[in-house]
Amino acid sequence: MSMDIDAPVPMVHRPSVLQNVATILCCNCGVPIDGTSAAGALCYDCVKLTVDISEGIQREATLHICRDCERWLQPPAHWITAAPESRELLALCLRKLRGLTKVRIIDAGFIWTEPHSRRVKVKITIQQEAFEGTILQQTFEVEYVVAYHQCPDCAKSFTANTWRAVVQVRQKVPHKRTFLYLEQLILKHSAHKDTINIKEVKDGLDFFYAQRNHAEKFLDFLTSVAPVRTKKSQELISMDIHTSTKSYKFSFSVELVPICKDDLVALPIKLAKQIGNIAPLTICHRVGTSINLIDPSTLQTADVSTPIYWRSPFVSLADVQELVEFVVMDIEIIGKAKGRFLPAEATVARASDLGVNDITFFTRTHLGGVLHAGDSAMGYHLTGTNFNNRNFEALEQSNVYSSSIPDVMLVKKFYARKKKNKSRNWQLKRMNKDEGEMLPKKQDQERMERDFEMFLRDVEEDTELRGTVALYKAQREKKEKDRMEGLETASVAETDTDGEDLPKIDMDELLDEFNELGMEDEQ
């Protein structure tokens, strides 16, 4: 059986038939174009020439700037801070243009103009779909005219109602050491950045604010760093009878406790028993959020909190201005250290009695770790001193505490300094305060300089106090220039560095200079 096999059939090559594309002529220039995708019978070049996608977008606008504070107006009533040719100013310029929301912004940038021309030019690149399937990109320039307009804050500064809230800080003590320490805490934490003015008055400072919440924020800071008592009052300035809108001025009175570091304190006997049965005659070794007291004889410490103090307030028996210099004749350690205090028994004599008489005093002190035979110490001389204080009179009449009143209570070690001083290698930052209409007298100026020098010595001698303030490296060549320029000036102190026993501050504890940090107040 045979199989029939078909003969091979040759494949004939058929040429491909080209499909004719429907072309039309551009109605403007006559160039052949694809009629199925042409937009409005126009070629792409003619579309770019005849269609303007930036139509409806402003080419000119006005920017308002306050010449006093150099802030820009962002409508309707917000004022912002923006540097020239910054991103913030560019965003403000784009917001001023109507019609930009309908197109896509590709790029935007400033064009250089003369600074005195009061003109700002911006180059903007946008994209938009002109016809179906046709996207155009176009670049154009917008010119802004810079106009001056005074902001409400600057306008208010030229009227009587320059402030809305004031914080009045007061302390009834004969020196300014507490305010100097409080000033350093304020500067370290930048708690004064919202103030519009700081005025120095008798027994304290006034901090003025443009808004009430700024004053309340500063009030919270004072409460967190010092034992204070606050009161609030308000005064009606104006009222709109149609809308019942009222405008007030707020005053916050802040009273600091009249107890300072190194003060001699005679506690009420009842209060001394309530806070740990401590001896009523104590020394204040620190003032933080509470009053920290210590009994030099037993090294017992006690804290008097702010509510407890204002419930039964008391004043100091003697302050640092009544300290007397004593010379340590002999000293002996009698116990274990408690923190930085070491109990000791010392025999001392007044420095003014040396070579005159042989009167000496035996006392117990908490300075056993720093005092040695031959050293000088500052202390309170209680024997033969009359104190006009009810609490001390109660101690003298008490059968329990009258026999425990010492002759001398030593407070701190005394470092002899020469009159001819050399510059310190550190300095403190100071606030620029308005002294008011009455300038300080010569004797008041000398007292302020003496208080400041005493505070500087406390910073050098007390490491715990030094850790709470910011110290900067001294910049001697620009000292006078820094005093004149800026809202805050550096007060470079003077001291003697020749003595070997004088306390010195390590350079590692100091911060950089003011100019390197760029530390200036922002208004």
Protein backbone atom coordinates (compact mmCIF):
# COMPACT_ATOMS: atom_id res chain seq x y z
CA MET A 1 0.00 0.00 0.00
CA SER A 2 1.45 3.33 -1.02
CA MET A 3 0.92 6.73 0.56
CA ASP A 4 0.27 9.79 -1.60
CA ILE A 5 2.56 12.68 -0.65
CA ASP A 6 1.69 16.12 -1.83
CA ALA A 7 4.30 17.94 -3.72
CA PRO A 8 5.91 20.94 -1.98
CA VAL A 9 4.23 24.19 -2.71
CA PRO A 10 6.59 27.16 -3.10
CA MET A 11 5.99 30.19 -0.78
CA VAL A 12 5.42 33.30 -2.76
CA HIS A 13 6.76 36.53 -1.13
CA ARG A 14 4.06 39.14 -1.02
CA PRO A 15 5.18 42.74 -0.56
CA SER A 16 3.70 44.51 2.53
CA VAL A 17 1.15 47.11 1.78
CA LEU A 18 1.99 50.49 3.34
CA GLN A 19 -0.93 52.15 5.04
CA ASN A 20 -1.26 55.79 4.19
CA VAL A 21 -1.26 58.11 7.30
CA ALA A 22 -3.93 60.80 7.30
CA THR A 23 -1.96 64.03 7.14
CA ILE A 24 -3.18 67.56 7.11
CA LEU A 25 -1.51 70.89 6.73
CA CYS A 26 -1.02 73.29 9.66
CA CYS A 27 -3.51 76.08 9.31
CA ASN A 28 -0.87 78.62 10.30
CA CYS A 29 2.40 77.67 8.63
CA GLY A 30 1.38 74.85 6.19
CA VAL A 31 3.63 72.15 7.63
CA PRO A 32 2.20 68.60 7.16
CA ILE A 33 1.12 67.16 10.51
CA ASP A 34 -0.70 64.08 11.78
CA GLY A 35 -4.37 64.88 11.53
CA THR A 36 -5.37 62.31 14.14
CA SER A 37 -3.29 63.84 16.90
CA ALA A 38 -3.01 67.46 15.84
CA ALA A 39 -4.29 69.98 18.36
CA GLY A 40 -6.56 72.51 16.72
CA ALA A 41 -4.96 71.90 13.26
CA LEU A 42 -1.74 73.48 14.54
CA CYS A 43 1.76 72.10 14.64
CA TYR A 44 3.69 71.98 17.92
CA ASP A 45 5.74 75.08 17.07
CA CYS A 46 2.63 77.08 16.27
CA VAL A 47 0.96 75.85 19.46
CA LYS A 48 3.90 77.24 21.45
CA LEU A 49 3.69 80.54 19.64
CA THR A 50 -0.05 81.05 19.79
CA VAL A 51 -1.08 79.46 23.14
CA ASP A 52 -0.13 81.27 26.39
CA ILE A 53 -0.55 78.95 29.39
CA SER A 54 0.50 81.76 31.78
CA GLU A 55 -2.53 83.84 30.85
CA GLY A 56 -4.34 84.95 33.96
CA ILE A 57 -1.23 84.92 36.16
CA GLN A 58 -0.08 88.28 37.52
CA ARG A 59 3.14 89.76 36.21
CA GLU A 60 3.30 92.44 38.93
CA ALA A 61 2.54 92.38 42.65
CA THR A 62 3.35 94.26 45.85
CA LEU A 63 5.18 93.03 48.94
CA HIS A 64 4.81 94.85 52.25
CA ILE A 65 7.68 95.02 54.75
CA CYS A 66 7.94 96.73 58.12
CA ARG A 67 11.04 98.89 58.12
CA ASP A 68 11.35 98.74 61.93
CA CYS A 69 11.37 94.98 62.53
CA GLU A 70 12.02 93.94 58.87
CA ARG A 71 9.15 91.45 58.82
CA TRP A 72 7.04 90.71 55.74
CA LEU A 73 3.24 90.82 55.63
CA GLN A 74 1.61 87.51 54.82
CA PRO A 75 -2.06 88.30 54.14
CA PRO A 76 -4.36 88.78 55.77
CA ALA A 77 -2.65 89.87 59.01
CA HIS A 78 0.33 87.59 59.69
CA TRP A 79 3.89 88.95 59.82
CA ILE A 80 6.79 86.59 59.11
CA THR A 81 10.56 86.91 59.26
CA ALA A 82 12.34 86.10 55.99
CA ALA A 83 15.85 86.86 54.79
CA PRO A 84 16.44 88.24 51.28
CA GLU A 85 16.32 85.52 48.59
CA SER A 86 15.35 82.90 51.16
CA ARG A 87 12.93 80.00 50.75
CA GLU A 88 10.46 81.71 53.07
CA LEU A 89 10.44 84.88 50.95
CA LEU A 90 10.09 82.84 47.74
CA ALA A 91 7.10 80.98 49.20
CA LEU A 92 5.54 84.32 50.15
CA CYS A 93 6.06 85.64 46.60
CA LEU A 94 4.39 82.60 45.04
CA ARG A 95 1.41 82.87 47.40
CA LYS A 96 0.86 86.46 46.29
CA LEU A 97 0.20 85.46 42.66
CA ARG A 98 -3.33 84.63 41.55
CA GLY A 99 -3.76 81.82 39.00
CA LEU A 100 -0.78 79.66 39.99
CA THR A 101 -3.09 77.03 41.43
CA LYS A 102 -4.30 76.12 37.90
CA VAL A 103 -0.85 75.22 36.59
CA ARG A 104 2.03 73.03 37.69
CA ILE A 105 5.12 74.86 39.00
CA ILE A 106 8.35 73.28 37.76
CA ASP A 107 10.93 75.75 39.01
CA ALA A 108 11.15 79.16 40.67
CA GLY A 109 14.06 81.37 41.66
CA PHE A 110 15.13 84.92 42.29
CA ILE A 111 16.69 87.23 39.71
CA TRP A 112 19.32 89.62 41.07
CA THR A 113 18.23 93.23 41.46
CA GLU A 114 19.86 96.27 43.01
CA PRO A 115 19.31 96.33 46.79
CA HIS A 116 18.18 99.97 46.72
CA SER A 117 15.74 99.46 43.83
CA ARG A 118 12.99 98.12 46.14
CA ARG A 119 12.19 95.52 43.49
CA VAL A 120 12.12 91.73 43.74
CA LYS A 121 12.10 89.68 40.53
CA VAL A 122 11.18 85.99 40.41
CA LYS A 123 11.64 83.64 37.45
CA ILE A 124 8.93 80.94 37.32
CA THR A 125 8.69 77.84 35.08
CA ILE A 126 5.24 76.22 34.73
CA GLN A 127 3.59 73.34 32.80
CA GLN A 128 0.01 72.87 31.59
CA GLU A 129 -1.88 70.74 29.08
CA ALA A 130 -2.87 73.10 26.26
CA PHE A 131 -4.82 70.53 24.18
CA GLU A 132 -5.51 66.85 24.57
CA GLY A 133 -2.14 65.12 24.53
CA THR A 134 -0.19 68.37 24.23
CA ILE A 135 1.72 69.64 27.32
CA LEU A 136 3.42 73.01 27.20
CA GLN A 137 6.16 74.40 29.43
CA GLN A 138 6.71 78.11 29.74
CA THR A 139 9.02 80.45 31.70
CA PHE A 140 8.15 84.01 32.67
CA GLU A 141 9.20 86.71 35.12
CA VAL A 142 7.22 88.44 37.85
CA GLU A 143 8.24 91.77 39.36
CA TYR A 144 7.34 92.68 42.92
CA VAL A 145 7.39 96.20 44.32
CA VAL A 146 8.53 96.38 47.96
CA ALA A 147 6.35 98.82 49.92
CA TYR A 148 6.78 99.91 53.55
CA HIS A 149 3.98 99.11 55.96
CA GLN A 150 4.25 99.37 59.74
CA CYS A 151 3.25 96.23 61.61
CA PRO A 152 0.87 96.47 64.60
CA ASP A 153 3.59 95.54 67.08
CA CYS A 154 5.87 98.36 65.95
CA ALA A 155 2.95 100.76 65.80
CA LYS A 156 2.08 99.90 69.37
CA SER A 157 5.65 100.58 70.48
CA PHE A 158 5.23 104.28 69.63
CA THR A 159 2.14 104.64 71.79
CA ALA A 160 1.54 104.59 75.53
CA ASN A 161 0.21 101.01 75.44
CA THR A 162 3.53 99.39 74.55
CA TRP A 163 3.06 96.32 76.71
CA ARG A 164 0.22 93.99 77.52
CA ALA A 165 1.66 92.18 80.56
CA VAL A 166 4.40 92.91 83.10
CA VAL A 167 6.13 90.63 85.61
CA GLN A 168 7.40 92.58 88.63
CA VAL A 169 10.10 90.62 90.48
CA ARG A 170 10.97 91.93 93.95
CA GLN A 171 13.15 90.89 96.88
CA LYS A 172 13.53 92.99 100.02
CA VAL A 173 17.22 92.48 100.77
CA PRO A 174 20.08 95.02 100.98
CA HIS A 175 22.10 93.43 98.14
CA LYS A 176 21.62 92.19 94.57
CA ARG A 177 23.34 88.79 94.75
CA THR A 178 20.12 86.85 94.36
CA PHE A 179 19.10 88.86 91.29
CA LEU A 180 22.54 88.35 89.78
CA TYR A 181 22.14 84.60 90.16
CA LEU A 182 18.58 84.75 88.84
CA GLU A 183 19.83 86.75 85.85
CA GLN A 184 22.29 83.99 84.99
CA LEU A 185 19.57 81.35 85.18
CA ILE A 186 17.34 83.43 82.89
CA LEU A 187 20.15 83.85 80.36
CA LYS A 188 21.15 80.18 80.47
CA HIS A 189 17.62 79.01 79.71
CA SER A 190 16.78 81.97 77.38
CA ALA A 191 13.70 82.72 79.43
CA HIS A 192 13.85 86.42 78.50
CA LYS A 193 13.62 86.03 74.71
CA ASP A 194 9.98 87.23 74.52
CA THR A 195 10.50 90.39 76.58
CA ILE A 196 10.14 93.77 74.90
CA ASN A 197 11.85 95.65 77.73
CA ILE A 198 13.59 94.97 81.05
CA LYS A 199 13.57 97.82 83.53
CA GLU A 200 15.58 97.97 86.72
CA VAL A 201 13.70 99.44 89.68
CA LYS A 202 14.24 99.57 93.42
CA ASP A 203 14.42 96.11 94.99
CA GLY A 204 13.94 94.28 91.72
CA LEU A 205 13.30 94.10 87.98
CA ASP A 206 10.29 94.59 85.70
CA PHE A 207 9.88 92.36 82.63
CA PHE A 208 7.48 93.71 79.99
CA TYR A 209 5.73 91.50 77.43
CA ALA A 210 3.53 92.12 74.41
CA GLN A 211 1.36 89.06 75.11
CA ARG A 212 -0.11 87.66 78.26
CA ASN A 213 0.89 84.04 77.59
CA HIS A 214 4.56 85.07 77.34
CA ALA A 215 4.38 86.60 80.82
CA GLU A 216 2.71 83.48 82.20
CA LYS A 217 5.42 81.31 80.63
CA PHE A 218 8.11 83.42 82.32
CA LEU A 219 6.16 83.19 85.57
CA ASP A 220 6.22 79.39 85.35
CA PHE A 221 9.99 79.51 84.84
CA LEU A 222 10.51 81.64 87.96
CA THR A 223 8.37 79.25 89.98
CA SER A 224 10.50 76.31 88.82
CA VAL A 225 13.86 77.84 89.82
CA ALA A 226 13.19 79.97 92.91
CA PRO A 227 10.87 80.05 95.95
CA VAL A 228 8.43 82.80 95.00
CA ARG A 229 4.96 84.07 95.80
CA THR A 230 2.86 85.47 92.95
CA LYS A 231 -0.13 87.76 92.69
CA LYS A 232 -2.10 88.79 89.63
CA SER A 233 -4.00 91.96 88.82
CA GLN A 234 -5.54 93.43 85.69
CA GLU A 235 -6.54 96.87 84.47
CA LEU A 236 -9.21 97.61 81.89
CA ILE A 237 -7.83 99.72 79.04
CA SER A 238 -10.75 99.91 76.60
CA MET A 239 -14.07 98.26 75.86
CA ASP A 240 -16.25 98.11 72.74
CA ILE A 241 -19.86 98.47 73.88
CA HIS A 242 -21.19 97.06 70.60
CA THR A 243 -19.26 93.77 70.62
CA SER A 244 -18.43 93.63 74.37
CA THR A 245 -14.75 93.26 73.48
CA LYS A 246 -12.46 94.32 76.33
CA SER A 247 -8.75 95.04 76.42
CA TYR A 248 -6.77 94.52 79.63
CA LYS A 249 -3.29 95.10 80.98
CA PHE A 250 -2.04 92.33 83.27
CA SER A 251 0.44 92.72 86.13
CA PHE A 252 2.07 89.78 87.88
CA SER A 253 3.79 90.48 91.19
CA VAL A 254 6.55 88.02 92.09
CA GLU A 255 8.12 88.20 95.54
CA LEU A 256 11.29 86.24 96.23
CA VAL A 257 11.93 84.94 99.71
CA PRO A 258 14.18 87.39 101.62
CA ILE A 259 16.61 84.58 102.51
CA CYS A 260 19.88 84.39 100.57
CA LYS A 261 22.85 82.07 100.43
CA ASP A 262 25.20 82.27 103.47
CA ASP A 263 22.58 84.07 105.59
CA LEU A 264 22.24 83.34 109.30
CA VAL A 265 18.69 82.18 109.98
CA ALA A 266 16.86 81.83 113.29
CA LEU A 267 13.88 79.55 112.69
CA PRO A 268 10.73 79.61 114.77
CA ILE A 269 11.02 76.78 117.29
CA LYS A 270 7.76 75.23 116.16
CA LEU A 271 8.82 75.24 112.52
CA ALA A 272 12.25 73.78 113.37
CA LYS A 273 10.57 70.81 115.03
CA GLN A 274 8.22 70.30 112.07
CA ILE A 275 10.98 70.09 109.43
CA GLY A 276 13.06 67.41 111.16
CA ASN A 277 13.71 68.72 114.67
CA ILE A 278 16.72 70.70 113.48
CA ALA A 279 18.43 73.28 115.69
CA PRO A 280 16.67 76.63 115.16
CA LEU A 281 19.94 78.53 114.58
CA THR A 282 21.11 77.52 111.09
CA ILE A 283 22.92 78.75 108.00
CA CYS A 284 21.37 78.89 104.54
CA HIS A 285 23.83 77.07 102.26
CA ARG A 286 21.69 77.05 99.12
CA VAL A 287 18.49 78.57 97.71
CA GLY A 288 16.79 76.59 94.94
CA THR A 289 13.12 75.79 94.69
CA SER A 290 13.28 75.61 98.47
CA ILE A 291 15.49 77.04 101.24
CA ASN A 292 18.26 74.60 102.18
CA LEU A 293 19.49 75.02 105.77
CA ILE A 294 22.31 73.34 107.67
CA ASP A 295 23.24 73.12 111.34
CA PRO A 296 27.07 73.48 111.44
CA SER A 297 27.31 71.64 114.76
CA THR A 298 25.60 68.40 113.69
CA LEU A 299 25.59 68.73 109.85
CA GLN A 300 21.85 68.16 109.94
CA THR A 301 20.12 69.66 106.93
CA ALA A 302 16.52 70.68 106.37
CA ASP A 303 14.51 72.11 103.49
CA VAL A 304 11.88 74.79 103.89
CA SER A 305 9.54 74.55 100.90
CA THR A 306 7.82 77.56 99.41
CA PRO A 307 4.30 76.86 100.79
CA ILE A 308 5.70 76.22 104.28
CA TYR A 309 7.71 79.43 104.24
CA TRP A 310 4.88 81.71 103.13
CA ARG A 311 2.59 80.07 105.67
CA SER A 312 4.83 81.38 108.46
CA PRO A 313 7.40 83.75 106.91
CA PHE A 314 10.58 84.75 108.70
CA VAL A 315 13.58 86.94 107.88
CA SER A 316 17.29 86.28 108.13
CA LEU A 317 19.06 87.06 111.39
CA ALA A 318 22.15 88.44 109.59
CA ASP A 319 23.31 88.66 105.98
CA VAL A 320 26.67 88.50 104.23
CA GLN A 321 27.33 92.19 104.83
CA GLU A 322 27.77 91.41 108.54
CA LEU A 323 30.36 88.67 108.07
CA VAL A 324 33.54 88.98 110.14
CA GLU A 325 36.95 87.60 109.20
CA PHE A 326 38.35 84.98 111.59
CA VAL A 327 41.74 83.27 111.65
CA VAL A 328 41.80 79.53 112.32
CA MET A 329 44.27 78.85 115.13
CA ASP A 330 43.62 75.11 115.38
CA ILE A 331 41.17 72.67 113.79
CA GLU A 332 40.41 68.96 114.35
CA ILE A 333 38.16 66.60 112.38
CA ILE A 334 35.58 64.94 114.65
CA GLY A 335 33.43 62.82 112.37
CA LYS A 336 32.63 61.44 108.94
CA ALA A 337 31.89 63.56 105.92
CA LYS A 338 28.31 64.14 104.88
CA GLY A 339 28.33 65.10 101.25
CA ARG A 340 30.72 68.00 100.77
CA PHE A 341 30.58 68.91 104.47
CA LEU A 342 33.04 67.57 107.06
CA PRO A 343 32.46 68.18 110.82
CA ALA A 344 35.33 69.72 112.76
CA GLU A 345 36.12 71.58 115.96
CA ALA A 346 38.04 74.80 115.48
CA THR A 347 39.65 77.47 117.61
CA VAL A 348 39.42 80.84 115.93
CA ALA A 349 40.22 84.45 116.63
CA ARG A 350 39.06 87.61 114.99
CA ALA A 351 41.55 88.95 112.46
CA SER A 352 41.18 92.42 113.93
CA ASP A 353 42.16 91.08 117.42
CA LEU A 354 45.47 89.58 116.35
CA GLY A 355 48.25 91.48 118.07
CA VAL A 356 45.76 93.35 120.25
CA ASN A 357 44.41 90.70 122.63
CA ASP A 358 44.36 86.96 123.12
CA ILE A 359 40.62 86.39 122.81
CA THR A 360 39.81 83.12 121.00
CA PHE A 361 36.57 81.27 120.34
CA PHE A 362 35.83 77.58 120.22
CA THR A 363 33.24 76.47 117.69
CA ARG A 364 32.06 73.56 115.61
CA THR A 365 31.97 73.97 111.86
CA HIS A 366 30.99 72.11 108.70
CA LEU A 367 34.07 73.36 106.80
CA GLY A 368 36.53 70.75 108.04
CA GLY A 369 37.34 69.71 104.47
CA VAL A 370 38.61 73.12 103.35
CA LEU A 371 39.91 74.82 106.50
CA HIS A 372 43.38 74.30 107.95
CA ALA A 373 45.35 75.95 110.71
CA GLY A 374 46.38 79.43 109.59
CA ASP A 375 43.54 79.86 107.10
CA SER A 376 41.04 82.68 107.23
CA ALA A 377 37.27 82.16 107.33
CA MET A 378 34.25 84.41 107.23
CA GLY A 379 31.66 83.93 109.93
CA TYR A 380 29.11 85.53 112.20
CA HIS A 381 30.18 86.81 115.62
CA LEU A 382 27.19 86.17 117.92
CA THR A 383 28.75 87.02 121.27
CA GLY A 384 27.91 90.57 122.30
CA THR A 385 25.76 91.17 119.21
CA ASN A 386 22.22 92.48 119.62
CA PHE A 387 19.69 91.12 117.16
CA ASN A 388 16.28 92.67 116.84
CA ASN A 389 14.61 89.38 116.02
CA ARG A 390 11.74 87.67 117.84
CA ASN A 391 12.86 84.18 116.91
CA PHE A 392 16.36 84.74 118.30
CA GLU A 393 14.92 86.23 121.50
CA ALA A 394 12.80 83.09 121.85
CA LEU A 395 15.97 80.98 121.56
CA GLU A 396 17.72 82.99 124.26
CA GLN A 397 14.75 82.56 126.60
CA SER A 398 14.35 78.85 125.85
CA ASN A 399 15.62 76.36 128.40
CA VAL A 400 16.49 73.89 125.65
CA TYR A 401 18.24 76.01 123.04
CA SER A 402 19.74 78.90 125.04
CA SER A 403 22.81 76.88 126.06
CA SER A 404 23.47 75.68 122.48
CA ILE A 405 23.91 79.15 120.93
CA PRO A 406 27.56 79.28 119.79
CA ASP A 407 29.88 82.25 120.02
CA VAL A 408 30.92 82.05 116.37
CA MET A 409 29.40 80.39 113.31
CA LEU A 410 31.77 80.00 110.38
CA VAL A 411 30.23 80.24 106.91
CA LYS A 412 32.95 79.95 104.26
CA LYS A 413 36.67 80.06 103.68
CA PHE A 414 38.18 83.46 102.97
CA TYR A 415 40.69 83.89 100.15
CA ALA A 416 42.96 86.94 100.39
CA ARG A 417 43.09 88.90 97.15
CA LYS A 418 45.40 91.71 96.23
CA LYS A 419 44.00 95.10 95.30
CA LYS A 420 45.83 95.12 91.97
CA ASN A 421 43.96 92.48 89.99
CA LYS A 422 44.43 90.80 86.68
CA SER A 423 41.75 89.75 84.23
CA ARG A 424 39.89 86.51 84.74
CA ASN A 425 39.95 83.98 81.95
CA TRP A 426 36.16 83.79 82.02
CA GLN A 427 33.21 86.14 81.88
CA LEU A 428 29.47 86.18 82.44
CA LYS A 429 26.72 87.23 80.10
CA ARG A 430 24.63 90.20 81.22
CA MET A 431 21.19 91.43 80.28
CA ASN A 432 20.70 94.91 78.88
CA LYS A 433 18.42 96.58 81.42
CA ASP A 434 16.73 99.95 81.25
CA GLU A 435 17.76 101.97 84.28
CA GLY A 436 14.70 104.21 83.98
CA GLU A 437 14.56 107.96 84.37
CA MET A 438 16.69 108.10 87.52
CA LEU A 439 20.30 107.06 86.98
CA PRO A 440 22.02 105.34 89.91
CA LYS A 441 24.02 107.53 92.22
CA LYS A 442 27.74 107.10 92.62
CA GLN A 443 27.39 105.27 95.91
CA ASP A 444 24.71 103.00 94.43
CA GLN A 445 26.96 102.25 91.47
CA GLU A 446 29.79 101.31 93.80
CA ARG A 447 27.46 99.07 95.80
CA MET A 448 26.31 97.32 92.60
CA GLU A 449 29.91 96.73 91.52
CA ARG A 450 30.73 95.38 94.98
CA ASP A 451 27.76 93.00 94.87
CA PHE A 452 28.76 91.81 91.41
CA GLU A 453 32.35 91.18 92.52
CA MET A 454 31.04 89.25 95.53
CA PHE A 455 28.88 87.15 93.24
CA LEU A 456 31.83 86.42 90.96
CA ARG A 457 33.84 85.22 93.93
CA ASP A 458 30.96 82.96 94.96
CA VAL A 459 30.99 81.45 91.47
CA GLU A 460 34.72 80.78 91.74
CA GLU A 461 34.57 79.28 95.22
CA ASP A 462 31.35 77.24 94.99
CA THR A 463 31.49 74.40 92.44
CA GLU A 464 27.81 73.59 92.97
CA LEU A 465 26.83 77.17 92.16
CA ARG A 466 29.18 77.22 89.18
CA GLY A 467 27.45 74.22 87.67
CA THR A 468 24.13 76.06 87.39
CA VAL A 469 25.39 79.09 85.42
CA ALA A 470 26.95 79.47 81.97
CA LEU A 471 30.55 80.71 81.93
CA TYR A 472 32.23 81.95 78.75
CA LYS A 473 35.82 82.40 77.70
CA ALA A 474 36.98 85.97 78.12
CA GLN A 475 37.46 87.97 74.94
CA ARG A 476 39.71 90.80 76.04
CA GLU A 477 40.34 92.46 72.68
CA LYS A 478 36.62 92.96 71.99
CA LYS A 479 35.48 93.60 75.52
CA GLU A 480 34.66 97.28 75.05
CA LYS A 481 33.01 96.70 71.69
CA ASP A 482 30.74 94.04 73.15
CA ARG A 483 29.71 96.45 75.88
CA MET A 484 28.46 98.99 73.35
CA GLU A 485 26.86 96.77 70.73
CA GLY A 486 23.95 94.35 71.08
CA LEU A 487 21.21 93.99 73.64
CA GLU A 488 23.38 91.90 75.93
CA THR A 489 26.91 92.82 76.99
CA ALA A 490 29.71 90.90 78.58
CA SER A 491 30.90 91.93 81.98
CA VAL A 492 34.51 90.86 82.30
CA ALA A 493 35.52 90.62 85.92
CA GLU A 494 38.82 91.34 87.53
CA THR A 495 40.67 89.09 89.98
CA ASP A 496 44.10 88.16 91.20
CA THR A 497 45.69 85.02 89.77
CA ASP A 498 48.98 85.19 91.56
CA GLY A 499 47.86 83.38 94.72
CA GLU A 500 48.27 79.64 94.67
CA ASP A 501 45.33 79.01 97.00
CA LEU A 502 42.83 81.02 94.99
CA PRO A 503 40.11 78.89 93.35
CA LYS A 504 40.50 78.62 89.60
CA ILE A 505 38.06 77.59 86.92
CA ASP A 506 39.20 74.99 84.41
CA MET A 507 39.05 75.99 80.74
CA ASP A 508 37.03 72.84 80.02
CA GLU A 509 34.14 74.34 81.99
CA LEU A 510 33.99 77.46 79.80
CA LEU A 511 31.89 77.96 76.69
CA ASP A 512 33.02 79.75 73.53
CA GLU A 513 32.91 83.49 73.01
CA PHE A 514 29.66 85.33 72.31
CA ASN A 515 30.48 86.23 68.70
CA GLU A 516 31.40 82.66 67.80
CA LEU A 517 28.06 81.45 69.08
CA GLY A 518 26.15 84.35 67.52
CA MET A 519 24.17 84.91 70.71
CA GLU A 520 21.88 87.91 70.28
CA ASP A 521 18.36 88.64 71.43
CA GLU A 522 15.60 88.14 68.88
CA GLN A 523 12.98 90.80 68.98
